Amino acid sequence: MEAMFSERYFAKLIQRTLLCGVFLSLGLIFTGLAFTVAGSAYGPGVLRSGVLVLLLTPAARVIMLVYGYWRGGETYFALMSFVVLALLAVSILL
C-alpha cells in the first residue's frame, strides 16, 4: 500500500478531485440555467447546488492535503492544512 501512495499518485488524485468538482459544478449550473429558462421550479435550486459544489471543491482539496501530509509523516504541514480547513469552515458558516 505504501508503494501506491506516492507524491505523484497523490498529486494526480488531487488534480482529478478538482477537475471533477469543477465539471460537476459546471454541469449543475448549466442544468439549472436550462431549467430556469424552461420555467421549471427546480432551476434556482439546481443553480444553488452548482455554486455550492464550486465552493466546496477547494475544501475537498484541503481535506485531501491534510490526509496526505499526515500519512506522509509531515505533521507540521498537516496541522497547517487543518488550520486552513478550519478557516474555510468558519468563512462558510459566516
PDB file of N, CA and C in Angstrom:
ATOM      1  N   MET A   1       0.817  -1.191   0.000  1.00  0.00           N
ATOM      2  CA  MET A   1       0.000   0.000   0.000  1.00  0.00           C
ATOM      3  C   MET A   1       0.861   1.254   0.000  1.00  0.00           C
ATOM      4  N   GLU A   2       2.025   1.186   0.667  1.00  0.00           N
ATOM      5  CA  GLU A   2       2.897   2.358   0.713  1.00  0.00           C
ATOM      6  C   GLU A   2       3.440   2.702  -0.669  1.00  0.00           C
ATOM      7  N   ALA A   3       3.699   1.693  -1.503  1.00  0.00           N
ATOM      8  CA  ALA A   3       4.221   1.974  -2.833  1.00  0.00           C
ATOM      9  C   ALA A   3       3.192   2.696  -3.683  1.00  0.00           C
ATOM     10  N   MET A   4       1.918   2.408  -3.430  1.00  0.00           N
ATOM     11  CA  MET A   4       0.862   3.063  -4.198  1.00  0.00           C
ATOM     12  C   MET A   4       0.693   4.518  -3.787  1.00  0.00           C
ATOM     13  N   PHE A   5       1.056   4.853  -2.574  1.00  0.00           N
ATOM     14  CA  PHE A   5       0.883   6.207  -2.063  1.00  0.00           C
ATOM     15  C   PHE A   5       2.158   7.008  -2.299  1.00  0.00           C
ATOM     16  N   SER A   6       2.339   7.469  -3.502  1.00  0.00           N
ATOM     17  CA  SER A   6       3.495   8.293  -3.821  1.00  0.00           C
ATOM     18  C   SER A   6       3.028   9.735  -4.036  1.00  0.00           C
ATOM     19  N   GLU A   7       3.977  10.640  -4.074  1.00  0.00           N
ATOM     20  CA  GLU A   7       3.627  12.046  -4.286  1.00  0.00           C
ATOM     21  C   GLU A   7       2.984  12.257  -5.642  1.00  0.00           C
ATOM     22  N   ARG A   8       3.475  11.568  -6.633  1.00  0.00           N
ATOM     23  CA  ARG A   8       2.920  11.708  -7.988  1.00  0.00           C
ATOM     24  C   ARG A   8       1.481  11.197  -8.042  1.00  0.00           C
ATOM     25  N   TYR A   9       1.248  10.051  -7.441  1.00  0.00           N
ATOM     26  CA  TYR A   9      -0.108   9.499  -7.398  1.00  0.00           C
ATOM     27  C   TYR A   9      -1.046  10.433  -6.632  1.00  0.00           C
ATOM     28  N   PHE A  10      -0.572  10.958  -5.528  1.00  0.00           N
ATOM     29  CA  PHE A  10      -1.403  11.831  -4.713  1.00  0.00           C
ATOM     30  C   PHE A  10      -1.697  13.148  -5.441  1.00  0.00           C
ATOM     31  N   ALA A  11      -0.712  13.676  -6.164  1.00  0.00           N
ATOM     32  CA  ALA A  11      -0.928  14.904  -6.937  1.00  0.00           C
ATOM     33  C   ALA A  11      -1.967  14.683  -8.027  1.00  0.00           C
ATOM     34  N   LYS A  12      -1.931  13.539  -8.676  1.00  0.00           N
ATOM     35  CA  LYS A  12      -2.939  13.232  -9.698  1.00  0.00           C
ATOM     36  C   LYS A  12      -4.321  13.071  -9.074  1.00  0.00           C
ATOM     37  N   LEU A  13      -4.372  12.490  -7.883  1.00  0.00           N
ATOM     38  CA  LEU A  13      -5.651  12.328  -7.199  1.00  0.00           C
ATOM     39  C   LEU A  13      -6.257  13.687  -6.845  1.00  0.00           C
ATOM     40  N   ILE A  14      -5.430  14.603  -6.379  1.00  0.00           N
ATOM     41  CA  ILE A  14      -5.916  15.950  -6.064  1.00  0.00           C
ATOM     42  C   ILE A  14      -6.367  16.654  -7.336  1.00  0.00           C
ATOM     43  N   GLN A  15      -5.602  16.503  -8.413  1.00  0.00           N
ATOM     44  CA  GLN A  15      -5.979  17.122  -9.685  1.00  0.00           C
ATOM     45  C   GLN A  15      -7.325  16.591 -10.174  1.00  0.00           C
ATOM     46  N   ARG A  16      -7.530  15.300 -10.078  1.00  0.00           N
ATOM     47  CA  ARG A  16      -8.798  14.719 -10.518  1.00  0.00           C
ATOM     48  C   ARG A  16      -9.961  15.183  -9.640  1.00  0.00           C
ATOM     49  N   THR A  17      -9.700  15.341  -8.353  1.00  0.00           N
ATOM     50  CA  THR A  17     -10.748  15.841  -7.458  1.00  0.00           C
ATOM     51  C   THR A  17     -11.168  17.247  -7.849  1.00  0.00           C
ATOM     52  N   LEU A  18     -10.196  18.108  -8.123  1.00  0.00           N
ATOM     53  CA  LEU A  18     -10.515  19.476  -8.525  1.00  0.00           C
ATOM     54  C   LEU A  18     -11.247  19.505  -9.863  1.00  0.00           C
ATOM     55  N   LEU A  19     -10.789  18.698 -10.814  1.00  0.00           N
ATOM     56  CA  LEU A  19     -11.456  18.663 -12.110  1.00  0.00           C
ATOM     57  C   LEU A  19     -12.886  18.150 -11.988  1.00  0.00           C
ATOM     58  N   CYS A  20     -13.082  17.102 -11.221  1.00  0.00           N
ATOM     59  CA  CYS A  20     -14.438  16.565 -11.034  1.00  0.00           C
ATOM     60  C   CYS A  20     -15.351  17.592 -10.373  1.00  0.00           C
ATOM     61  N   GLY A  21     -14.829  18.309  -9.381  1.00  0.00           N
ATOM     62  CA  GLY A  21     -15.623  19.330  -8.715  1.00  0.00           C
ATOM     63  C   GLY A  21     -16.025  20.449  -9.652  1.00  0.00           C
ATOM     64  N   VAL A  22     -15.085  20.891 -10.480  1.00  0.00           N
ATOM     65  CA  VAL A  22     -15.385  21.978 -11.416  1.00  0.00           C
ATOM     66  C   VAL A  22     -16.371  21.514 -12.477  1.00  0.00           C
ATOM     67  N   PHE A  23     -16.161  20.319 -13.025  1.00  0.00           N
ATOM     68  CA  PHE A  23     -17.066  19.841 -14.066  1.00  0.00           C
ATOM     69  C   PHE A  23     -18.456  19.520 -13.520  1.00  0.00           C
ATOM     70  N   LEU A  24     -18.530  18.983 -12.315  1.00  0.00           N
ATOM     71  CA  LEU A  24     -19.830  18.741 -11.700  1.00  0.00           C
ATOM     72  C   LEU A  24     -20.559  20.054 -11.466  1.00  0.00           C
ATOM     73  N   SER A  25     -19.836  21.046 -10.988  1.00  0.00           N
ATOM     74  CA  SER A  25     -20.422  22.362 -10.767  1.00  0.00           C
ATOM     75  C   SER A  25     -20.896  22.964 -12.087  1.00  0.00           C
ATOM     76  N   LEU A  26     -20.075  22.857 -13.109  1.00  0.00           N
ATOM     77  CA  LEU A  26     -20.439  23.386 -14.421  1.00  0.00           C
ATOM     78  C   LEU A  26     -21.696  22.710 -14.952  1.00  0.00           C
ATOM     79  N   GLY A  27     -21.767  21.392 -14.807  1.00  0.00           N
ATOM     80  CA  GLY A  27     -22.956  20.675 -15.254  1.00  0.00           C
ATOM     81  C   GLY A  27     -24.212  21.081 -14.497  1.00  0.00           C
ATOM     82  N   LEU A  28     -24.085  21.252 -13.179  1.00  0.00           N
ATOM     83  CA  LEU A  28     -25.238  21.666 -12.380  1.00  0.00           C
ATOM     84  C   LEU A  28     -25.679  23.090 -12.725  1.00  0.00           C
ATOM     85  N   ILE A  29     -24.717  23.976 -12.951  1.00  0.00           N
ATOM     86  CA  ILE A  29     -25.069  25.355 -13.283  1.00  0.00           C
ATOM     87  C   ILE A  29     -25.758  25.424 -14.640  1.00  0.00           C
ATOM     88  N   PHE A  30     -25.235  24.712 -15.630  1.00  0.00           N
ATOM     89  CA  PHE A  30     -25.891  24.715 -16.937  1.00  0.00           C
ATOM     90  C   PHE A  30     -27.269  24.061 -16.891  1.00  0.00           C
ATOM     91  N   THR A  31     -27.394  22.997 -16.111  1.00  0.00           N
ATOM     92  CA  THR A  31     -28.704  22.355 -15.957  1.00  0.00           C
ATOM     93  C   THR A  31     -29.678  23.297 -15.264  1.00  0.00           C
ATOM     94  N   GLY A  32     -29.204  23.993 -14.237  1.00  0.00           N
ATOM     95  CA  GLY A  32     -30.049  24.961 -13.551  1.00  0.00           C
ATOM     96  C   GLY A  32     -30.475  26.102 -14.453  1.00  0.00           C
ATOM     97  N   LEU A  33     -29.549  26.555 -15.288  1.00  0.00           N
ATOM     98  CA  LEU A  33     -29.912  27.600 -16.251  1.00  0.00           C
ATOM     99  C   LEU A  33     -30.950  27.102 -17.242  1.00  0.00           C
ATOM    100  N   ALA A  34     -30.780  25.870 -17.721  1.00  0.00           N
ATOM    101  CA  ALA A  34     -31.756  25.302 -18.656  1.00  0.00           C
ATOM    102  C   ALA A  34     -33.123  25.170 -17.998  1.00  0.00           C
ATOM    103  N   PHE A  35     -33.156  24.713 -16.748  1.00  0.00           N
ATOM    104  CA  PHE A  35     -34.428  24.617 -16.031  1.00  0.00           C
ATOM    105  C   PHE A  35     -35.051  25.990 -15.820  1.00  0.00           C
ATOM    106  N   THR A  36     -34.233  26.979 -15.521  1.00  0.00           N
ATOM    107  CA  THR A  36     -34.751  28.324 -15.295  1.00  0.00           C
ATOM    108  C   THR A  36     -35.326  28.905 -16.573  1.00  0.00           C
ATOM    109  N   VAL A  37     -34.616  28.719 -17.684  1.00  0.00           N
ATOM    110  CA  VAL A  37     -35.112  29.227 -18.965  1.00  0.00           C
ATOM    111  C   VAL A  37     -36.396  28.507 -19.361  1.00  0.00           C
ATOM    112  N   ALA A  38     -36.493  27.222 -19.041  1.00  0.00           N
ATOM    113  CA  ALA A  38     -37.693  26.452 -19.376  1.00  0.00           C
ATOM    114  C   ALA A  38     -38.852  26.775 -18.445  1.00  0.00           C
ATOM    115  N   GLY A  39     -38.597  27.507 -17.370  1.00  0.00           N
ATOM    116  CA  GLY A  39     -39.670  27.890 -16.461  1.00  0.00           C
ATOM    117  C   GLY A  39     -39.938  26.890 -15.356  1.00  0.00           C
ATOM    118  N   SER A  40     -39.007  25.973 -15.131  1.00  0.00           N
ATOM    119  CA  SER A  40     -39.193  24.965 -14.096  1.00  0.00           C
ATOM    120  C   SER A  40     -38.888  25.564 -12.723  1.00  0.00           C
ATOM    121  N   ALA A  41     -39.561  25.027 -11.723  1.00  0.00           N
ATOM    122  CA  ALA A  41     -39.337  25.495 -10.354  1.00  0.00           C
ATOM    123  C   ALA A  41     -38.043  24.936  -9.774  1.00  0.00           C
ATOM    124  N   TYR A  42     -37.428  23.948 -10.436  1.00  0.00           N
ATOM    125  CA  TYR A  42     -36.198  23.345  -9.932  1.00  0.00           C
ATOM    126  C   TYR A  42     -34.953  24.144 -10.299  1.00  0.00           C
ATOM    127  N   GLY A  43     -35.068  25.097 -11.191  1.00  0.00           N
ATOM    128  CA  GLY A  43     -33.922  25.845 -11.688  1.00  0.00           C
ATOM    129  C   GLY A  43     -33.087  26.519 -10.620  1.00  0.00           C
ATOM    130  N   PRO A  44     -33.674  27.359  -9.772  1.00  0.00           N
ATOM    131  CA  PRO A  44     -32.855  28.037  -8.758  1.00  0.00           C
ATOM    132  C   PRO A  44     -32.172  27.075  -7.774  1.00  0.00           C
ATOM    133  N   GLY A  45     -32.831  26.000  -7.430  1.00  0.00           N
ATOM    134  CA  GLY A  45     -32.221  25.031  -6.514  1.00  0.00           C
ATOM    135  C   GLY A  45     -31.021  24.336  -7.129  1.00  0.00           C
ATOM    136  N   VAL A  46     -31.126  23.989  -8.403  1.00  0.00           N
ATOM    137  CA  VAL A  46     -30.007  23.336  -9.081  1.00  0.00           C
ATOM    138  C   VAL A  46     -28.861  24.330  -9.265  1.00  0.00           C
ATOM    139  N   LEU A  47     -29.193  25.591  -9.546  1.00  0.00           N
ATOM    140  CA  LEU A  47     -28.154  26.616  -9.642  1.00  0.00           C
ATOM    141  C   LEU A  47     -27.406  26.775  -8.315  1.00  0.00           C
ATOM    142  N   ARG A  48     -28.149  26.819  -7.226  1.00  0.00           N
ATOM    143  CA  ARG A  48     -27.515  26.923  -5.910  1.00  0.00           C
ATOM    144  C   ARG A  48     -26.626  25.721  -5.614  1.00  0.00           C
ATOM    145  N   SER A  49     -27.083  24.545  -6.032  1.00  0.00           N
ATOM    146  CA  SER A  49     -26.269  23.342  -5.832  1.00  0.00           C
ATOM    147  C   SER A  49     -24.957  23.430  -6.608  1.00  0.00           C
ATOM    148  N   GLY A  50     -25.010  23.953  -7.812  1.00  0.00           N
ATOM    149  CA  GLY A  50     -23.797  24.115  -8.610  1.00  0.00           C
ATOM    150  C   GLY A  50     -22.810  25.069  -7.971  1.00  0.00           C
ATOM    151  N   VAL A  51     -23.315  26.170  -7.442  1.00  0.00           N
ATOM    152  CA  VAL A  51     -22.439  27.130  -6.766  1.00  0.00           C
ATOM    153  C   VAL A  51     -21.878  26.521  -5.478  1.00  0.00           C
ATOM    154  N   LEU A  52     -22.688  25.764  -4.760  1.00  0.00           N
ATOM    155  CA  LEU A  52     -22.218  25.116  -3.532  1.00  0.00           C
ATOM    156  C   LEU A  52     -21.108  24.108  -3.827  1.00  0.00           C
ATOM    157  N   VAL A  53     -21.278  23.329  -4.879  1.00  0.00           N
ATOM    158  CA  VAL A  53     -20.235  22.370  -5.253  1.00  0.00           C
ATOM    159  C   VAL A  53     -18.958  23.114  -5.631  1.00  0.00           C
ATOM    160  N   LEU A  54     -19.105  24.239  -6.328  1.00  0.00           N
ATOM    161  CA  LEU A  54     -17.934  25.022  -6.696  1.00  0.00           C
ATOM    162  C   LEU A  54     -17.223  25.580  -5.467  1.00  0.00           C
ATOM    163  N   LEU A  55     -17.981  25.972  -4.455  1.00  0.00           N
ATOM    164  CA  LEU A  55     -17.387  26.484  -3.229  1.00  0.00           C
ATOM    165  C   LEU A  55     -16.729  25.387  -2.389  1.00  0.00           C
ATOM    166  N   LEU A  56     -17.278  24.192  -2.426  1.00  0.00           N
ATOM    167  CA  LEU A  56     -16.750  23.100  -1.606  1.00  0.00           C
ATOM    168  C   LEU A  56     -15.585  22.360  -2.252  1.00  0.00           C
ATOM    169  N   THR A  57     -15.328  22.610  -3.530  1.00  0.00           N
ATOM    170  CA  THR A  57     -14.226  21.932  -4.215  1.00  0.00           C
ATOM    171  C   THR A  57     -12.866  22.245  -3.587  1.00  0.00           C
ATOM    172  N   PRO A  58     -12.531  23.501  -3.293  1.00  0.00           N
ATOM    173  CA  PRO A  58     -11.242  23.742  -2.611  1.00  0.00           C
ATOM    174  C   PRO A  58     -11.185  23.127  -1.214  1.00  0.00           C
ATOM    175  N   ALA A  59     -12.320  23.072  -0.532  1.00  0.00           N
ATOM    176  CA  ALA A  59     -12.334  22.441   0.789  1.00  0.00           C
ATOM    177  C   ALA A  59     -12.014  20.954   0.673  1.00  0.00           C
ATOM    178  N   ALA A  60     -12.511  20.314  -0.377  1.00  0.00           N
ATOM    179  CA  ALA A  60     -12.192  18.900  -0.595  1.00  0.00           C
ATOM    180  C   ALA A  60     -10.698  18.721  -0.845  1.00  0.00           C
ATOM    181  N   ARG A  61     -10.090  19.657  -1.559  1.00  0.00           N
ATOM    182  CA  ARG A  61      -8.652  19.603  -1.803  1.00  0.00           C
ATOM    183  C   ARG A  61      -7.880  19.732  -0.490  1.00  0.00           C
ATOM    184  N   VAL A  62      -8.296  20.638   0.364  1.00  0.00           N
ATOM    185  CA  VAL A  62      -7.591  20.828   1.635  1.00  0.00           C
ATOM    186  C   VAL A  62      -7.753  19.598   2.524  1.00  0.00           C
ATOM    187  N   ILE A  63      -8.923  18.983   2.504  1.00  0.00           N
ATOM    188  CA  ILE A  63      -9.128  17.741   3.266  1.00  0.00           C
ATOM    189  C   ILE A  63      -8.157  16.665   2.775  1.00  0.00           C
ATOM    190  N   MET A  64      -7.996  16.568   1.462  1.00  0.00           N
ATOM    191  CA  MET A  64      -7.071  15.582   0.914  1.00  0.00           C
ATOM    192  C   MET A  64      -5.627  15.921   1.286  1.00  0.00           C
ATOM    193  N   LEU A  65      -5.295  17.208   1.336  1.00  0.00           N
ATOM    194  CA  LEU A  65      -3.943  17.598   1.726  1.00  0.00           C
ATOM    195  C   LEU A  65      -3.656  17.248   3.183  1.00  0.00           C
ATOM    196  N   VAL A  66      -4.644  17.455   4.047  1.00  0.00           N
ATOM    197  CA  VAL A  66      -4.464  17.086   5.455  1.00  0.00           C
ATOM    198  C   VAL A  66      -4.161  15.591   5.555  1.00  0.00           C
ATOM    199  N   TYR A  67      -4.941  14.794   4.855  1.00  0.00           N
ATOM    200  CA  TYR A  67      -4.732  13.346   4.887  1.00  0.00           C
ATOM    201  C   TYR A  67      -3.371  12.969   4.300  1.00  0.00           C
ATOM    202  N   GLY A  68      -3.020  13.567   3.175  1.00  0.00           N
ATOM    203  CA  GLY A  68      -1.757  13.232   2.521  1.00  0.00           C
ATOM    204  C   GLY A  68      -0.543  13.617   3.339  1.00  0.00           C
ATOM    205  N   TYR A  69      -0.582  14.807   3.920  1.00  0.00           N
ATOM    206  CA  TYR A  69       0.547  15.226   4.744  1.00  0.00           C
ATOM    207  C   TYR A  69       0.664  14.353   5.998  1.00  0.00           C
ATOM    208  N   TRP A  70      -0.486  14.036   6.583  1.00  0.00           N
ATOM    209  CA  TRP A  70      -0.453  13.201   7.791  1.00  0.00           C
ATOM    210  C   TRP A  70       0.113  11.818   7.465  1.00  0.00           C
ATOM    211  N   ARG A  71      -0.395  11.260   6.386  1.00  0.00           N
ATOM    212  CA  ARG A  71       0.062   9.924   6.005  1.00  0.00           C
ATOM    213  C   ARG A  71       1.527   9.932   5.605  1.00  0.00           C
ATOM    214  N   GLY A  72       1.989  11.032   5.029  1.00  0.00           N
ATOM    215  CA  GLY A  72       3.387  11.144   4.638  1.00  0.00           C
ATOM    216  C   GLY A  72       4.315  11.468   5.792  1.00  0.00           C
ATOM    217  N   GLY A  73       3.765  11.687   6.978  1.00  0.00           N
ATOM    218  CA  GLY A  73       4.597  11.952   8.141  1.00  0.00           C
ATOM    219  C   GLY A  73       4.963  13.411   8.332  1.00  0.00           C
ATOM    220  N   GLU A  74       4.374  14.298   7.562  1.00  0.00           N
ATOM    221  CA  GLU A  74       4.667  15.724   7.683  1.00  0.00           C
ATOM    222  C   GLU A  74       3.582  16.369   8.546  1.00  0.00           C
ATOM    223  N   THR A  75       3.746  16.223   9.843  1.00  0.00           N
ATOM    224  CA  THR A  75       2.694  16.655  10.763  1.00  0.00           C
ATOM    225  C   THR A  75       2.532  18.171  10.802  1.00  0.00           C
ATOM    226  N   TYR A  76       3.625  18.916  10.611  1.00  0.00           N
ATOM    227  CA  TYR A  76       3.519  20.375  10.620  1.00  0.00           C
ATOM    228  C   TYR A  76       2.628  20.851   9.469  1.00  0.00           C
ATOM    229  N   PHE A  77       2.865  20.327   8.273  1.00  0.00           N
ATOM    230  CA  PHE A  77       2.055  20.725   7.127  1.00  0.00           C
ATOM    231  C   PHE A  77       0.617  20.224   7.261  1.00  0.00           C
ATOM    232  N   ALA A  78       0.443  19.060   7.860  1.00  0.00           N
ATOM    233  CA  ALA A  78      -0.913  18.564   8.103  1.00  0.00           C
ATOM    234  C   ALA A  78      -1.655  19.482   9.065  1.00  0.00           C
ATOM    235  N   LEU A  79      -0.978  19.945  10.094  1.00  0.00           N
ATOM    236  CA  LEU A  79      -1.597  20.851  11.049  1.00  0.00           C
ATOM    237  C   LEU A  79      -1.943  22.185  10.396  1.00  0.00           C
ATOM    238  N   MET A  80      -1.040  22.719   9.580  1.00  0.00           N
ATOM    239  CA  MET A  80      -1.311  23.983   8.896  1.00  0.00           C
ATOM    240  C   MET A  80      -2.457  23.836   7.898  1.00  0.00           C
ATOM    241  N   SER A  81      -2.524  22.705   7.227  1.00  0.00           N
ATOM    242  CA  SER A  81      -3.633  22.460   6.310  1.00  0.00           C
ATOM    243  C   SER A  81      -4.946  22.342   7.071  1.00  0.00           C
ATOM    244  N   PHE A  82      -4.886  21.748   8.265  1.00  0.00           N
ATOM    245  CA  PHE A  82      -6.084  21.655   9.091  1.00  0.00           C
ATOM    246  C   PHE A  82      -6.545  23.042   9.543  1.00  0.00           C
ATOM    247  N   VAL A  83      -5.596  23.928   9.838  1.00  0.00           N
ATOM    248  CA  VAL A  83      -5.948  25.307  10.198  1.00  0.00           C
ATOM    249  C   VAL A  83      -6.622  26.000   9.018  1.00  0.00           C
ATOM    250  N   VAL A  84      -6.100  25.795   7.817  1.00  0.00           N
ATOM    251  CA  VAL A  84      -6.726  26.363   6.619  1.00  0.00           C
ATOM    252  C   VAL A  84      -8.137  25.805   6.443  1.00  0.00           C
ATOM    253  N   LEU A  85      -8.308  24.517   6.685  1.00  0.00           N
ATOM    254  CA  LEU A  85      -9.628  23.909   6.592  1.00  0.00           C
ATOM    255  C   LEU A  85     -10.592  24.508   7.612  1.00  0.00           C
ATOM    256  N   ALA A  86     -10.109  24.735   8.829  1.00  0.00           N
ATOM    257  CA  ALA A  86     -10.947  25.361   9.857  1.00  0.00           C
ATOM    258  C   ALA A  86     -11.338  26.770   9.440  1.00  0.00           C
ATOM    259  N   LEU A  87     -10.408  27.524   8.857  1.00  0.00           N
ATOM    260  CA  LEU A  87     -10.732  28.872   8.393  1.00  0.00           C
ATOM    261  C   LEU A  87     -11.759  28.844   7.256  1.00  0.00           C
ATOM    262  N   LEU A  88     -11.639  27.879   6.373  1.00  0.00           N
ATOM    263  CA  LEU A  88     -12.638  27.723   5.301  1.00  0.00           C
ATOM    264  C   LEU A  88     -14.014  27.415   5.890  1.00  0.00           C
ATOM    265  N   ALA A  89     -14.053  26.549   6.899  1.00  0.00           N
ATOM    266  CA  ALA A  89     -15.328  26.192   7.516  1.00  0.00           C
ATOM    267  C   ALA A  89     -15.951  27.403   8.214  1.00  0.00           C
ATOM    268  N   VAL A  90     -15.132  28.188   8.896  1.00  0.00           N
ATOM    269  CA  VAL A  90     -15.647  29.384   9.564  1.00  0.00           C
ATOM    270  C   VAL A  90     -16.172  30.381   8.532  1.00  0.00           C
ATOM    271  N   SER A  91     -15.457  30.544   7.418  1.00  0.00           N
ATOM    272  CA  SER A  91     -15.906  31.504   6.404  1.00  0.00           C
ATOM    273  C   SER A  91     -17.200  31.039   5.732  1.00  0.00           C
ATOM    274  N   ILE A  92     -17.391  29.732   5.599  1.00  0.00           N
ATOM    275  CA  ILE A  92     -18.637  29.233   5.013  1.00  0.00           C
ATOM    276  C   ILE A  92     -19.796  29.450   5.974  1.00  0.00           C
ATOM    277  N   LEU A  93     -19.549  29.260   7.263  1.00  0.00           N
ATOM    278  CA  LEU A  93     -20.613  29.420   8.260  1.00  0.00           C
ATOM    279  C   LEU A  93     -20.994  30.869   8.448  1.00  0.00           C
ATOM    280  N   LEU A  94     -20.062  31.788   8.240  1.00  0.00           N
ATOM    281  CA  LEU A  94     -20.371  33.204   8.398  1.00  0.00           C
ATOM    282  C   LEU A  94     -20.968  33.714   7.133  1.00  0.00           C
TER     283      LEU A  94
END
